[in-house]
Every structure is written in C-alpha cells, then in structure tokens.
Amino acid sequence: MGPVLLLTGTLYVGAFKLGSIPPLGPFLDPFSGVWAVAVTTELPAKLDASIASLTDTVTVVYDDRAVPHIFARSRLDAARALGYVVARDRLFQLEIQTRAAAGKLSELFGRRTLAVDRYFRSLWLAASAGEELAELQATDPGSVELLHAYAQGVNAWIGGLQRRNFPLEYHFLDVRPMRWEPVHTLYLIKYMGWTLARFSRDRDRLEVAALIGEEAADALFPIHSPLQEPLEPNGQTEARLDFVRLPPPGEPDAAVRATARAIRRAGFLADWLDQDGAHASNHWAVSPWRTANGYAILAGDPHLDLTLPSTWYETHLLVPNEQDVYGVTFPGAPDI
C-alpha cells in the first residue's frame, strides 16, 4: 500500500507547478518533455515542409555555417520561407522581443518583470504600431502584404510543432509559443527605435535642467553641436570651433523638477535605462577611383546591444530577375 500511495502522491505533485518550477511530470516526460529537446537538436539533412500560403516551390539550402540560402519565385514566397527558417532557429527570441515591446513579459515571468512592462506600456509602442499598420494598409499595401507573408511562414513552423519540439525555454516556462501577427514586425521596429534613442545623456540633461533651467541645460547638452562634421561635403575647409556663449543658470521649471523626481523614484528601472553603451553607429565609403579594382566600398559598423542569441540573423534571399541579396536581417523583419 505504501508504494502505491508514494506513486500516487508523486504523480499528483508532478502535475502542478511549484512556484516558478514547471510541473515535473510533463517536464521530465522522456518522450515530450525537456529530454526530447536533445533528440530534436540535430536537424535532418533534407526536409520537405509545407506552408499552405506558398504559391510555388521554395528551396532553402543551409551552408556549412548554418546560413540559410532561400531560392524563391516571388518576394512574398521568399518572405514566407524566411519567416519559417527564422522561427525554426530563433522562435523564443521572436516571442521575447515582441512581449518586451508590448509590455507583456510578466505573462511569462510574473512580478519580476512588472516594472519593465509598466515602463514599456507607458511608451505606447504597441498601440502606435497598430495605428501605423492601419496607415500602411492605406498607403503601402505591398509592404503589409510582405508582413502577412512573413507571419504565415512563422506560424507555419509553429503550427507544425509538437510539445517535444518546443525550444528549451518553453519547457522551463511550461507555455506554448504564441502566434506571430504582422503587427509584431512593427513592434520590432518600435523597439529598435527605443534601443537607439535611450541615451543616458537624456537623463543627465533632465537632472541638470532641474537645477539650472532649460536654457542653460540646452547649451550644455546641444542637440546640434557646431563641432559635428556632416557626412556630405559642404565646401567648408576651416577648422570647426565652438564659440557659443553659455547662458547663466536660470530658474528650473516645476514640471522638469517633477519629471526628474519621478525618474529617480523609478529605482532599479531608471538605473537599468541609464546604462552606458555604444549606441552610435558609423559608416564610411570609398570612391571607385580610389580602389584597386575600380569598385566602390561601403562599410557599416552598427552599434547595438550585445544579446544572446545575436541581434542579427544572416541569410541570403534570391528571387530571379528581382532580388539577389546576402546580408543580415533582424529576427522578425521580412527582408535584409
């Protein structure tokens, strides 16, 4: 009787979550639980898959660096295939970046991400993305069609998953992957905009303005510095000097003081937003007459946060007579 009770109790306990620990029964299931992930990591050498919305056959060839080369008959089919392979390789990344922009991380992680979700909801990224999608539908329906094609590819991969094929993170969280919507690509663009705009100097300038007023703060933190050299030649050859006279300190605005106090009260979130980082990208070009082979050289050095997995997804898209481009895409974007 004792072993039976022990087995019953173990099965009962294993069926329920214990805090943030997933139910141990399904989690440790040797066929569909976390152990199955090891079996599915090695992909077959050849795989035939079906995406219902494809208009023609698409071939995807992975090279020895696991970079997918996509050969399609139309840009829409190329976008569908790209969504499919990105979901195969980066599904959890797609979900996390979408939830971060929408302020929905706490649906997965509970109270520990509430402050982050509140912050991103206050930015209204998801709502403005929805408005822009509706505007795009009226002004650029071709781009919206591309977003839908990409979403069809992502969801085709998700739709073919069984629990045993879920990426490791979903087993730990005991959740299913969410469906991808066309508007989620705009979430990504909004999130990238925030990433490139959240400089710590904004907070520093606010703190200074709370002490010496807006005019003096603007002089100390100029938006357009006279020392900055524009990329386009403008005929100016003399050295750039800054002889701007700084105004004296003035009285701060009450609203500025209140905003600075609110940011200080945000605690760890304000510190998290205030991390220094190299977010200033740069690029340069060499004219064809300055190169050995007579071709122009264009180089770019985009400075973004280090992430795991990478911000970038390397791929090659080929559509005969229309597109042949090799480079990187953001997971969630339908093109290079």
Protein backbone atom coordinates (compact mmCIF):
# COMPACT_ATOMS: atom_id res chain seq x y z
CA MET A 1 0.00 0.00 0.00
CA GLY A 2 2.88 2.35 0.84
CA PRO A 3 4.46 2.26 -2.66
CA VAL A 4 1.06 2.90 -4.22
CA LEU A 5 0.49 5.96 -2.04
CA LEU A 6 4.02 7.17 -2.78
CA LEU A 7 3.46 6.78 -6.52
CA THR A 8 0.07 8.50 -6.34
CA GLY A 9 1.50 11.38 -4.34
CA THR A 10 4.44 11.75 -6.73
CA LEU A 11 2.15 11.82 -9.76
CA TYR A 12 -0.12 14.35 -8.05
CA VAL A 13 2.74 16.68 -7.12
CA GLY A 14 4.30 16.29 -10.55
CA ALA A 15 1.13 17.51 -12.24
CA PHE A 16 1.24 21.03 -10.76
CA LYS A 17 3.65 23.97 -10.86
CA LEU A 18 5.65 24.71 -7.74
CA GLY A 19 6.21 28.46 -7.83
CA SER A 20 8.28 29.16 -10.93
CA ILE A 21 9.16 25.47 -11.35
CA PRO A 22 7.17 23.80 -14.17
CA PRO A 23 5.12 20.66 -13.45
CA LEU A 24 7.79 17.97 -13.13
CA GLY A 25 5.68 15.26 -14.74
CA PRO A 26 5.32 16.83 -18.20
CA PHE A 27 8.73 18.50 -17.84
CA LEU A 28 10.58 15.20 -17.30
CA ASP A 29 8.45 13.19 -19.71
CA PRO A 30 11.07 11.28 -21.77
CA PHE A 31 9.01 11.49 -24.96
CA SER A 32 7.59 15.04 -24.99
CA GLY A 33 9.40 16.78 -22.12
CA VAL A 34 12.75 18.50 -21.82
CA TRP A 35 14.69 15.32 -22.63
CA ALA A 36 13.19 15.32 -26.13
CA VAL A 37 14.96 18.61 -26.91
CA ALA A 38 18.30 16.78 -27.18
CA VAL A 39 16.83 14.42 -29.76
CA THR A 40 15.48 17.21 -31.98
CA THR A 41 18.55 19.48 -31.97
CA GLU A 42 20.16 17.64 -34.90
CA LEU A 43 18.07 18.50 -37.93
CA PRO A 44 17.77 16.06 -40.84
CA ALA A 45 19.97 16.56 -43.90
CA LYS A 46 16.87 17.02 -46.05
CA LEU A 47 13.35 18.04 -45.04
CA ASP A 48 10.20 18.65 -47.06
CA ALA A 49 7.83 21.09 -45.37
CA SER A 50 4.52 22.65 -46.37
CA ILE A 51 3.47 26.28 -45.96
CA ALA A 52 -0.15 26.47 -47.08
CA SER A 53 0.13 30.01 -48.47
CA LEU A 54 3.12 29.33 -50.77
CA THR A 55 2.42 30.00 -54.43
CA ASP A 56 5.35 27.93 -55.75
CA THR A 57 8.14 25.66 -54.56
CA VAL A 58 10.86 27.31 -52.47
CA THR A 59 14.28 25.75 -51.89
CA VAL A 60 16.29 26.52 -48.75
CA VAL A 61 19.91 25.37 -48.64
CA TYR A 62 21.96 25.66 -45.45
CA ASP A 63 25.69 26.14 -45.94
CA ASP A 64 28.42 24.81 -43.64
CA ARG A 65 27.94 27.85 -41.36
CA ALA A 66 24.20 27.11 -40.99
CA VAL A 67 23.28 30.19 -43.05
CA PRO A 68 20.02 29.65 -44.99
CA HIS A 69 20.06 30.48 -48.72
CA ILE A 70 16.48 30.94 -49.88
CA PHE A 71 15.60 30.45 -53.57
CA ALA A 72 12.02 31.55 -54.36
CA ARG A 73 9.94 32.58 -57.37
CA SER A 74 8.47 35.69 -55.71
CA ARG A 75 9.37 38.10 -52.89
CA LEU A 76 6.26 37.02 -50.96
CA ASP A 77 7.30 33.36 -51.06
CA ALA A 78 10.83 34.38 -50.04
CA ALA A 79 9.34 36.23 -47.04
CA ARG A 80 7.26 33.18 -46.12
CA ALA A 81 10.33 30.95 -46.24
CA LEU A 82 12.37 33.48 -44.25
CA GLY A 83 9.72 33.59 -41.53
CA TYR A 84 9.74 29.79 -41.44
CA VAL A 85 13.50 29.39 -41.01
CA VAL A 86 13.82 32.27 -38.54
CA ALA A 87 11.08 30.70 -36.41
CA ARG A 88 12.94 27.39 -36.61
CA ASP A 89 16.15 28.98 -35.34
CA ARG A 90 15.01 31.93 -33.19
CA LEU A 91 11.45 31.26 -32.00
CA PHE A 92 11.93 32.25 -28.37
CA GLN A 93 13.80 35.39 -29.39
CA LEU A 94 10.85 36.40 -31.59
CA GLU A 95 8.49 35.97 -28.65
CA ILE A 96 10.60 37.75 -26.03
CA GLN A 97 11.29 40.86 -28.13
CA THR A 98 7.59 41.09 -29.03
CA ARG A 99 6.48 40.78 -25.42
CA ALA A 100 9.11 43.31 -24.31
CA ALA A 101 7.83 45.95 -26.73
CA ALA A 102 4.19 45.24 -25.80
CA GLY A 103 4.83 45.21 -22.04
CA LYS A 104 3.76 41.58 -21.69
CA LEU A 105 6.84 39.89 -20.25
CA SER A 106 5.07 39.40 -16.91
CA GLU A 107 2.69 36.94 -18.54
CA LEU A 108 5.71 34.63 -18.67
CA PHE A 109 7.90 35.77 -15.78
CA GLY A 110 5.48 37.10 -13.18
CA ARG A 111 6.10 40.03 -10.84
CA ARG A 112 9.84 40.23 -11.50
CA THR A 113 9.23 41.97 -14.85
CA LEU A 114 6.27 44.17 -13.83
CA ALA A 115 8.35 47.37 -13.65
CA VAL A 116 9.76 46.76 -17.12
CA ASP A 117 6.29 46.07 -18.54
CA ARG A 118 4.87 49.23 -16.96
CA TYR A 119 7.66 51.28 -18.47
CA PHE A 120 7.17 49.93 -21.99
CA ARG A 121 3.41 50.27 -21.80
CA SER A 122 3.90 53.92 -20.86
CA LEU A 123 5.82 54.37 -24.14
CA TRP A 124 2.74 53.21 -26.10
CA LEU A 125 4.87 51.23 -28.57
CA ALA A 126 2.30 48.52 -29.26
CA ALA A 127 -0.60 50.94 -29.69
CA SER A 128 1.32 53.18 -32.08
CA ALA A 129 2.46 50.11 -34.05
CA GLY A 130 -1.18 49.14 -34.54
CA GLU A 131 -2.00 52.63 -35.77
CA GLU A 132 0.92 52.55 -38.21
CA LEU A 133 -0.15 49.17 -39.59
CA ALA A 134 -3.59 50.59 -40.39
CA GLU A 135 -1.94 53.60 -42.04
CA LEU A 136 0.38 51.33 -44.06
CA GLN A 137 -2.62 49.35 -45.28
CA ALA A 138 -3.93 52.53 -46.88
CA THR A 139 -0.65 53.97 -48.17
CA ASP A 140 1.61 50.96 -48.87
CA PRO A 141 -0.44 47.75 -49.16
CA GLY A 142 2.53 45.93 -50.75
CA SER A 143 4.55 46.24 -47.53
CA VAL A 144 1.61 44.98 -45.48
CA GLU A 145 1.34 42.00 -47.83
CA LEU A 146 5.03 41.27 -47.13
CA LEU A 147 4.37 41.41 -43.36
CA HIS A 148 1.49 38.95 -43.74
CA ALA A 149 3.65 36.60 -45.82
CA TYR A 150 6.37 36.59 -43.18
CA ALA A 151 3.79 35.92 -40.46
CA GLN A 152 2.44 32.99 -42.46
CA GLY A 153 5.91 31.46 -42.54
CA VAL A 154 6.49 31.91 -38.81
CA ASN A 155 3.10 30.43 -37.97
CA ALA A 156 3.63 27.51 -40.38
CA TRP A 157 6.65 26.49 -38.29
CA ILE A 158 4.76 26.97 -35.02
CA GLY A 159 1.77 25.06 -36.35
CA GLY A 160 3.95 22.04 -37.13
CA LEU A 161 5.45 21.87 -33.64
CA GLN A 162 4.57 19.24 -31.10
CA ARG A 163 5.40 19.73 -27.44
CA ARG A 164 8.53 17.60 -27.78
CA ASN A 165 9.81 20.00 -30.48
CA PHE A 166 9.39 23.15 -28.38
CA PRO A 167 12.62 25.11 -27.79
CA LEU A 168 14.13 24.53 -24.35
CA GLU A 169 12.84 27.81 -22.88
CA TYR A 170 9.20 26.83 -23.42
CA HIS A 171 9.71 23.64 -21.44
CA PHE A 172 11.11 25.59 -18.50
CA LEU A 173 8.25 28.12 -18.61
CA ASP A 174 5.58 25.49 -19.32
CA VAL A 175 3.98 27.60 -22.08
CA ARG A 176 3.22 27.23 -25.75
CA PRO A 177 4.70 29.58 -28.39
CA MET A 178 2.41 32.45 -29.26
CA ARG A 179 1.28 33.06 -32.83
CA TRP A 180 3.07 35.72 -34.84
CA GLU A 181 1.00 38.65 -36.12
CA PRO A 182 2.01 41.05 -38.94
CA VAL A 183 1.96 43.96 -36.47
CA HIS A 184 4.70 42.26 -34.43
CA THR A 185 7.23 43.32 -37.08
CA LEU A 186 6.29 46.92 -36.31
CA TYR A 187 6.74 46.15 -32.60
CA LEU A 188 10.30 45.17 -33.51
CA ILE A 189 10.88 48.45 -35.39
CA LYS A 190 9.48 50.45 -32.47
CA TYR A 191 11.65 48.53 -30.02
CA MET A 192 14.75 49.15 -32.16
CA GLY A 193 13.87 52.84 -32.25
CA TRP A 194 13.77 52.88 -28.46
CA THR A 195 17.08 50.99 -28.28
CA LEU A 196 18.80 53.58 -30.46
CA ALA A 197 17.24 56.60 -28.72
CA ARG A 198 17.54 55.84 -24.97
CA PHE A 199 20.81 57.61 -24.33
CA SER A 200 21.86 58.18 -20.74
CA ARG A 201 22.59 61.85 -21.57
CA ASP A 202 18.85 62.46 -21.79
CA ARG A 203 18.52 61.67 -18.11
CA ASP A 204 21.66 63.70 -17.29
CA ARG A 205 20.25 66.69 -19.16
CA LEU A 206 16.96 66.43 -17.25
CA GLU A 207 18.78 66.38 -13.93
CA VAL A 208 20.81 69.46 -14.95
CA ALA A 209 17.70 71.28 -16.17
CA ALA A 210 16.09 70.64 -12.79
CA LEU A 211 18.96 72.63 -11.23
CA ILE A 212 19.79 75.43 -13.71
CA GLY A 213 16.82 75.69 -16.07
CA GLU A 214 16.08 74.66 -19.63
CA GLU A 215 18.09 77.34 -21.48
CA ALA A 216 21.36 76.64 -19.67
CA ALA A 217 20.80 72.88 -19.94
CA ASP A 218 20.25 73.17 -23.70
CA ALA A 219 23.57 74.98 -24.02
CA LEU A 220 25.39 72.25 -22.08
CA PHE A 221 23.62 69.42 -23.94
CA PRO A 222 23.16 70.76 -27.51
CA ILE A 223 21.16 68.70 -29.97
CA HIS A 224 23.23 70.08 -32.87
CA SER A 225 26.82 70.71 -31.87
CA PRO A 226 28.78 73.17 -34.06
CA LEU A 227 31.73 70.75 -33.78
CA GLN A 228 29.90 67.95 -35.58
CA GLU A 229 31.02 67.39 -39.17
CA PRO A 230 28.24 66.44 -41.62
CA LEU A 231 28.87 63.42 -43.83
CA GLU A 232 28.08 65.32 -47.05
CA PRO A 233 30.81 67.73 -48.28
CA ASN A 234 29.70 71.34 -47.80
CA GLY A 235 32.69 73.28 -49.08
CA GLN A 236 33.89 74.26 -45.60
CA THR A 237 37.63 73.75 -45.09
CA GLU A 238 38.42 75.74 -41.93
CA ALA A 239 38.52 74.08 -38.53
CA ARG A 240 35.27 73.88 -36.62
CA LEU A 241 35.29 75.85 -33.36
CA ASP A 242 32.66 76.32 -30.69
CA PHE A 243 32.47 79.94 -29.52
CA VAL A 244 28.89 79.76 -28.23
CA ARG A 245 28.46 81.81 -25.05
CA LEU A 246 26.81 79.78 -22.30
CA PRO A 247 23.81 81.47 -20.69
CA PRO A 248 23.82 81.95 -16.90
CA PRO A 249 21.92 79.47 -14.72
CA GLY A 250 18.21 80.19 -14.50
CA GLU A 251 15.18 79.06 -12.56
CA PRO A 252 14.11 75.48 -13.30
CA ASP A 253 10.61 74.67 -14.49
CA ALA A 254 8.38 72.99 -11.89
CA ALA A 255 7.35 70.32 -14.40
CA VAL A 256 11.01 69.47 -15.08
CA ARG A 257 11.66 69.07 -11.36
CA ALA A 258 8.64 66.77 -11.04
CA THR A 259 9.78 64.64 -14.01
CA ALA A 260 13.30 64.31 -12.60
CA ARG A 261 11.87 63.24 -9.22
CA ALA A 262 9.62 60.67 -10.90
CA ILE A 263 12.57 59.12 -12.74
CA ARG A 264 14.62 58.96 -9.53
CA ARG A 265 11.67 57.24 -7.80
CA ALA A 266 11.65 54.56 -10.55
CA GLY A 267 14.50 52.85 -8.67
CA PHE A 268 16.20 49.97 -10.46
CA LEU A 269 14.34 50.68 -13.69
CA ALA A 270 15.92 54.12 -14.02
CA ASP A 271 19.35 52.62 -13.35
CA TRP A 272 18.71 49.95 -15.98
CA LEU A 273 17.73 52.59 -18.56
CA ASP A 274 20.75 54.68 -17.66
CA GLN A 275 23.37 52.08 -18.56
CA ASP A 276 26.13 53.49 -20.71
CA GLY A 277 26.61 51.80 -24.04
CA ALA A 278 28.00 52.37 -27.50
CA HIS A 279 24.84 53.07 -29.49
CA ALA A 280 26.36 55.43 -32.04
CA SER A 281 26.72 53.62 -35.34
CA ASN A 282 29.13 54.80 -38.04
CA HIS A 283 29.87 54.14 -41.66
CA TRP A 284 32.24 55.17 -44.44
CA ALA A 285 32.56 54.87 -48.20
CA VAL A 286 35.46 54.72 -50.67
CA SER A 287 35.02 56.10 -54.18
CA PRO A 288 35.64 53.65 -57.08
CA TRP A 289 38.60 55.70 -58.36
CA ARG A 290 40.38 55.16 -55.02
CA THR A 291 40.11 51.33 -55.03
CA ALA A 292 42.35 48.80 -56.79
CA ASN A 293 39.53 47.10 -58.69
CA GLY A 294 37.52 50.21 -59.55
CA TYR A 295 34.51 49.35 -57.41
CA ALA A 296 33.10 51.38 -54.54
CA ILE A 297 33.41 50.12 -50.96
CA LEU A 298 30.74 50.80 -48.36
CA ALA A 299 31.30 49.73 -44.76
CA GLY A 300 28.91 49.98 -41.81
CA ASP A 301 29.53 49.50 -38.11
CA PRO A 302 26.16 49.29 -36.34
CA HIS A 303 26.46 49.55 -32.56
CA LEU A 304 23.69 47.66 -30.80
CA ASP A 305 23.30 45.83 -27.50
CA LEU A 306 25.10 42.50 -27.22
CA THR A 307 22.44 39.81 -27.00
CA LEU A 308 22.27 36.04 -26.94
CA PRO A 309 21.17 34.99 -29.47
CA SER A 310 22.55 37.73 -31.68
CA THR A 311 20.52 40.72 -32.84
CA TRP A 312 21.37 39.68 -36.38
CA TYR A 313 20.25 36.71 -38.48
CA GLU A 314 22.43 36.02 -41.52
CA THR A 315 20.69 34.90 -44.69
CA HIS A 316 20.59 35.06 -48.49
CA LEU A 317 17.42 35.78 -50.49
CA LEU A 318 17.27 35.11 -54.23
CA VAL A 319 14.26 35.83 -56.45
CA PRO A 320 15.13 35.60 -60.19
CA ASN A 321 15.16 38.96 -62.01
CA GLU A 322 14.02 40.73 -58.85
CA GLN A 323 16.23 40.22 -55.82
CA ASP A 324 19.59 38.66 -55.01
CA VAL A 325 20.80 39.96 -51.65
CA TYR A 326 23.02 38.49 -48.96
CA GLY A 327 23.35 40.03 -45.52
CA VAL A 328 21.60 40.10 -42.18
CA THR A 329 18.07 40.65 -41.02
CA PHE A 330 16.53 41.33 -37.65
CA PRO A 331 14.55 38.28 -36.48
CA GLY A 332 11.01 39.48 -37.05
CA ALA A 333 11.71 41.54 -40.19
CA PRO A 334 10.77 40.15 -43.63
CA ASP A 335 13.78 41.34 -45.59
CA ILE A 336 17.53 42.04 -45.47
